[in-house]
Amino acid sequence: MKKILFIGDIIGKPGRTALATLLPELREKRGIDFVVANGENAAGGNGLTAVIANEIKKTGVDAITLGDHVWDQKGFDREIDTLDYVCRPANLPQGVPGRKYLILEKDGFRFAVMTLLGRNFMKVIADCPFRTVDTILNEIHHLTDATLIELHAETTSEKTALGWYLDGRASLVVGTHTHIPTADGRILPRGTAYLTDAGMTGPYASCLGRDIQAVIGSFYDGMPRKFEIAQEDIRLCGCLVEITDQGIARSFEQIILPMSVPASA
């Protein structure tokens, strides 16, 4: 059996502080074998840099996934290929930099990680996630014992559909992007663990990680504002799944850990 922890979207410095504060003890206490985290909002709330990726890795994260903000930080397209523990969405157009998937290994157990972009209400051009995941799973089936598929998507219907589509072919299908933890974590009939959205790792006294009043004001009068990272009620959110050596999920647990220490953006 192997224990896999997936951590939802890391939001700026508060999210990174939550990782540094909570993850080492959590990993040791629960005997976690692999930690995967979405880092696409880790750099000031938008995108990722090599420096911040390395900071995240030092907290105990084995693999970092990305989403629609993959290229938000200037120059990251030149850095991403140097980070062998980072994968960008696999269904981006052909020829873009970055790895389509990662294969982690521990004690002879091989664990594949990939992320896909949804296409409903998303601004980034992406190929069909269903066809893309079929292609990659066929390509790597002999290289891995278990697989985590992340769908970074706006709609619950697209995430749910992919979960059912991959039931029995992936160990865990987990959604990200909408920053709010959903309450539908479960193991599907053929042994795939599923969660529509893992939530965010960052400040929950916020509107999706941003200053509440700024977001309310934008909805109220339509005027543009800078949405600063919020600072209160910081939590680490995600899910913990136990899987067999054959890649079948045996247990699912939602993780929501509060952090009382303030963090600056």
Protein backbone atom coordinates (compact mmCIF):
# COMPACT_ATOMS: atom_id res chain seq x y z
CA MET A 1 0.00 0.00 0.00
CA LYS A 2 1.11 3.55 -0.74
CA LYS A 3 -0.27 6.81 0.65
CA ILE A 4 -0.70 9.71 -1.76
CA LEU A 5 -1.38 13.27 -0.61
CA PHE A 6 -2.70 15.75 -3.14
CA ILE A 7 -2.64 19.43 -2.15
CA GLY A 8 -4.97 21.97 -3.78
CA ASP A 9 -3.90 25.25 -5.43
CA ILE A 10 -1.20 26.99 -3.38
CA ILE A 11 -2.09 30.69 -3.09
CA GLY A 12 0.89 33.04 -2.79
CA LYS A 13 2.98 33.42 0.36
CA PRO A 14 0.16 32.39 2.73
CA GLY A 15 -0.20 29.07 0.93
CA ARG A 16 3.56 28.50 0.87
CA THR A 17 3.76 29.30 4.59
CA ALA A 18 1.00 26.76 5.26
CA LEU A 19 3.03 24.13 3.42
CA ALA A 20 6.22 24.89 5.32
CA THR A 21 4.37 24.91 8.65
CA LEU A 22 2.03 21.94 8.27
CA LEU A 23 3.33 19.54 5.63
CA PRO A 24 6.50 18.13 7.23
CA GLU A 25 4.67 16.97 10.36
CA LEU A 26 1.67 15.74 8.38
CA ARG A 27 3.86 13.72 6.05
CA GLU A 28 5.80 12.11 8.87
CA LYS A 29 2.81 11.50 11.14
CA ARG A 30 0.69 9.88 8.43
CA GLY A 31 3.50 8.00 6.70
CA ILE A 32 2.82 9.61 3.33
CA ASP A 33 4.78 8.20 0.39
CA PHE A 34 4.12 10.81 -2.32
CA VAL A 35 3.02 14.45 -2.12
CA VAL A 36 1.69 16.25 -5.20
CA ALA A 37 0.66 19.92 -5.10
CA ASN A 38 -0.82 22.34 -7.59
CA GLY A 39 1.48 25.37 -7.71
CA GLU A 40 -0.04 27.51 -10.45
CA ASN A 41 -0.98 30.35 -8.06
CA ALA A 42 2.09 30.10 -5.83
CA ALA A 43 3.95 33.18 -7.13
CA GLY A 44 2.01 36.18 -5.84
CA GLY A 45 -1.26 34.48 -6.73
CA ASN A 46 -0.47 34.02 -10.42
CA GLY A 47 1.91 31.48 -11.92
CA LEU A 48 5.13 29.92 -10.70
CA THR A 49 8.88 30.66 -10.80
CA ALA A 50 11.84 28.33 -10.45
CA VAL A 51 12.79 29.93 -7.12
CA ILE A 52 9.33 29.40 -5.66
CA ALA A 53 9.10 25.88 -7.12
CA ASN A 54 12.30 24.98 -5.28
CA GLU A 55 10.92 26.55 -2.08
CA ILE A 56 7.80 24.39 -2.37
CA LYS A 57 9.81 21.25 -3.01
CA LYS A 58 11.85 21.79 0.16
CA THR A 59 8.68 21.61 2.26
CA GLY A 60 8.22 17.95 1.27
CA VAL A 61 6.38 18.17 -2.06
CA ASP A 62 7.51 15.57 -4.61
CA ALA A 63 5.71 16.89 -7.69
CA ILE A 64 4.17 20.21 -8.70
CA THR A 65 1.34 20.50 -11.21
CA LEU A 66 0.17 23.62 -13.04
CA GLY A 67 -2.96 25.01 -14.70
CA ASP A 68 -4.19 27.89 -16.81
CA HIS A 69 -1.78 30.36 -15.15
CA VAL A 70 1.21 28.28 -16.22
CA TRP A 71 2.86 31.13 -18.20
CA ASP A 72 1.83 34.10 -16.03
CA GLN A 73 5.32 34.71 -14.62
CA LYS A 74 7.72 36.27 -17.13
CA GLY A 75 10.48 33.89 -18.16
CA PHE A 76 8.95 30.74 -16.68
CA ASP A 77 8.73 29.25 -20.16
CA ARG A 78 12.54 29.24 -20.12
CA GLU A 79 12.74 27.80 -16.59
CA ILE A 80 10.20 25.00 -16.66
CA ASP A 81 12.37 22.46 -18.47
CA THR A 82 15.01 22.73 -15.73
CA LEU A 83 12.47 21.58 -13.10
CA ASP A 84 12.23 17.81 -13.35
CA TYR A 85 9.51 17.66 -10.65
CA VAL A 86 7.10 20.08 -12.40
CA CYS A 87 4.58 19.21 -15.11
CA ARG A 88 2.45 21.60 -17.11
CA PRO A 89 -1.02 20.70 -18.45
CA ALA A 90 -0.61 17.76 -20.82
CA ASN A 91 -3.19 19.00 -23.31
CA LEU A 92 -1.56 22.32 -24.15
CA PRO A 93 -0.73 22.75 -27.86
CA GLN A 94 2.14 20.70 -29.25
CA GLY A 95 5.59 22.25 -29.01
CA VAL A 96 5.19 24.24 -25.78
CA PRO A 97 7.92 23.70 -23.15
CA GLY A 98 7.53 21.57 -20.03
CA ARG A 99 6.77 17.95 -19.19
CA LYS A 100 3.39 16.41 -19.98
CA TYR A 101 3.62 14.01 -17.04
CA LEU A 102 5.94 12.87 -14.27
CA ILE A 103 6.79 9.40 -13.00
CA LEU A 104 7.84 9.25 -9.35
CA GLU A 105 9.38 6.14 -7.81
CA LYS A 106 9.75 4.81 -4.28
CA ASP A 107 10.78 1.28 -3.22
CA GLY A 108 10.24 0.06 -6.78
CA PHE A 109 6.71 1.52 -6.92
CA ARG A 110 6.16 3.80 -9.92
CA PHE A 111 3.61 6.59 -9.64
CA ALA A 112 2.58 8.73 -12.62
CA VAL A 113 1.27 12.29 -12.24
CA MET A 114 -0.35 14.45 -14.89
CA THR A 115 -2.65 17.44 -15.09
CA LEU A 116 -5.14 18.42 -17.79
CA LEU A 117 -6.98 21.64 -18.56
CA GLY A 118 -10.73 21.65 -18.92
CA ARG A 119 -12.23 23.44 -21.91
CA ASN A 120 -15.55 24.83 -20.60
CA PHE A 121 -15.26 28.57 -19.78
CA MET A 122 -11.45 28.42 -19.84
CA LYS A 123 -9.48 31.03 -21.79
CA VAL A 124 -6.38 28.93 -22.50
CA ILE A 125 -6.34 26.97 -25.75
CA ALA A 126 -6.24 23.26 -24.93
CA ASP A 127 -6.80 19.97 -26.72
CA CYS A 128 -9.53 17.57 -25.60
CA PRO A 129 -8.62 16.30 -22.10
CA PHE A 130 -10.41 12.99 -22.68
CA ARG A 131 -8.51 12.15 -25.86
CA THR A 132 -5.24 13.45 -24.41
CA VAL A 133 -5.46 11.28 -21.31
CA ASP A 134 -6.26 8.23 -23.44
CA THR A 135 -3.13 8.81 -25.51
CA ILE A 136 -0.86 9.31 -22.51
CA LEU A 137 -2.23 6.38 -20.52
CA ASN A 138 -1.62 4.12 -23.53
CA GLU A 139 1.90 5.54 -23.78
CA ILE A 140 2.87 5.02 -20.13
CA HIS A 141 0.87 2.00 -18.99
CA HIS A 142 4.01 -0.19 -18.89
CA LEU A 143 5.98 2.47 -16.99
CA THR A 144 3.75 2.99 -13.97
CA ASP A 145 1.92 1.09 -11.22
CA ALA A 146 -0.52 3.87 -10.30
CA THR A 147 -1.67 7.16 -11.78
CA LEU A 148 -2.96 10.50 -10.51
CA ILE A 149 -4.95 12.57 -12.99
CA GLU A 150 -5.70 16.20 -12.10
CA LEU A 151 -8.31 18.13 -14.08
CA HIS A 152 -7.86 21.89 -13.76
CA ALA A 153 -11.30 22.99 -14.86
CA GLU A 154 -14.13 25.42 -14.25
CA THR A 155 -17.18 23.18 -14.39
CA THR A 156 -18.11 20.36 -12.06
CA SER A 157 -19.76 18.50 -14.93
CA GLU A 158 -16.51 18.24 -16.89
CA LYS A 159 -14.60 17.06 -13.82
CA THR A 160 -17.26 14.52 -12.85
CA ALA A 161 -17.44 13.18 -16.40
CA LEU A 162 -13.67 12.64 -16.50
CA GLY A 163 -13.79 10.87 -13.14
CA TRP A 164 -16.32 8.36 -14.42
CA TYR A 165 -14.50 8.06 -17.73
CA LEU A 166 -11.28 7.08 -15.94
CA ASP A 167 -12.82 4.85 -13.26
CA GLY A 168 -10.66 1.73 -13.11
CA ARG A 169 -7.88 3.29 -15.20
CA ALA A 170 -6.52 5.86 -12.72
CA SER A 171 -5.84 5.62 -8.99
CA LEU A 172 -7.01 9.19 -8.26
CA VAL A 173 -8.86 11.77 -10.33
CA VAL A 174 -8.96 15.14 -8.58
CA GLY A 175 -10.18 18.55 -9.69
CA THR A 176 -8.61 21.95 -9.07
CA HIS A 177 -9.05 25.59 -10.19
CA THR A 178 -12.25 26.67 -8.42
CA HIS A 179 -10.50 26.93 -5.00
CA ILE A 180 -13.46 25.68 -2.93
CA PRO A 181 -13.29 22.16 -1.44
CA THR A 182 -16.18 19.97 -2.55
CA ALA A 183 -17.83 17.34 -0.35
CA ASP A 184 -18.07 14.49 -2.87
CA GLY A 185 -14.80 12.63 -2.20
CA ARG A 186 -15.28 8.88 -2.69
CA ILE A 187 -14.01 5.73 -4.37
CA LEU A 188 -15.81 4.94 -7.61
CA PRO A 189 -17.02 1.37 -8.34
CA ARG A 190 -13.92 0.24 -10.26
CA GLY A 191 -11.43 1.53 -7.71
CA THR A 192 -10.63 5.13 -8.69
CA ALA A 193 -10.65 7.72 -5.90
CA TYR A 194 -12.41 10.92 -6.96
CA LEU A 195 -12.86 14.51 -5.70
CA THR A 196 -14.39 17.31 -7.78
CA ASP A 197 -12.24 20.05 -6.23
CA ALA A 198 -9.47 19.79 -3.66
CA GLY A 199 -9.85 23.42 -2.64
CA MET A 200 -6.96 25.83 -2.18
CA THR A 201 -4.05 25.98 0.22
CA GLY A 202 -4.19 29.57 1.36
CA PRO A 203 -6.46 32.16 3.04
CA TYR A 204 -10.13 31.20 3.39
CA ALA A 205 -11.28 34.55 4.84
CA SER A 206 -11.29 35.71 1.23
CA CYS A 207 -12.94 35.45 -2.16
CA LEU A 208 -10.98 32.56 -3.69
CA GLY A 209 -7.84 33.75 -1.94
CA ARG A 210 -8.22 37.45 -2.71
CA ASP A 211 -9.16 40.47 -0.60
CA ILE A 212 -12.88 40.29 0.12
CA GLN A 213 -13.74 44.00 -0.21
CA ALA A 214 -11.95 44.38 -3.51
CA VAL A 215 -13.85 41.47 -5.04
CA ILE A 216 -17.19 42.64 -3.63
CA GLY A 217 -16.53 46.14 -4.99
CA SER A 218 -15.77 44.77 -8.44
CA PHE A 219 -19.06 42.89 -8.51
CA TYR A 220 -20.94 45.89 -7.07
CA ASP A 221 -19.84 48.62 -9.49
CA GLY A 222 -17.88 46.84 -12.22
CA MET A 223 -14.79 49.01 -11.75
CA PRO A 224 -11.37 47.39 -12.09
CA ARG A 225 -9.39 46.81 -8.90
CA LYS A 226 -6.21 45.09 -7.84
CA PHE A 227 -7.10 41.88 -6.03
CA GLU A 228 -4.51 41.53 -3.29
CA ILE A 229 -3.87 38.17 -1.62
CA ALA A 230 -5.91 37.84 1.59
CA GLN A 231 -4.19 36.98 4.88
CA GLU A 232 -6.61 35.32 7.30
CA ASP A 233 -7.84 31.79 8.03
CA ILE A 234 -5.00 30.03 6.25
CA ARG A 235 -5.54 26.33 5.57
CA LEU A 236 -3.87 23.43 3.82
CA CYS A 237 -6.48 21.56 1.78
CA GLY A 238 -6.41 18.45 -0.34
CA CYS A 239 -6.98 14.72 -0.04
CA LEU A 240 -5.15 11.63 1.16
CA VAL A 241 -5.62 8.37 -0.74
CA GLU A 242 -4.29 4.93 0.08
CA ILE A 243 -3.70 2.73 -2.97
CA THR A 244 -2.66 -0.87 -3.48
CA ASP A 245 0.42 -2.02 -5.38
CA GLN A 246 -1.95 -2.60 -8.30
CA GLY A 247 -3.05 1.06 -8.28
CA ILE A 248 -6.52 0.53 -6.79
CA ALA A 249 -7.75 3.09 -4.26
CA ARG A 250 -8.62 1.53 -0.89
CA SER A 251 -9.32 4.62 1.22
CA PHE A 252 -10.09 8.29 0.69
CA GLU A 253 -9.81 11.14 3.21
CA GLN A 254 -10.35 14.84 2.69
CA ILE A 255 -7.67 16.97 4.33
CA ILE A 256 -8.45 20.46 5.70
CA LEU A 257 -5.83 21.70 8.16
CA PRO A 258 -5.99 25.23 9.65
CA MET A 259 -2.91 27.29 10.41
CA SER A 260 -3.05 29.92 13.12
CA VAL A 261 0.20 31.70 12.22
CA PRO A 262 -0.29 34.87 10.07
CA ALA A 263 1.54 35.09 6.73
CA SER A 264 2.31 38.15 4.62
CA ALA A 265 1.66 38.11 0.87
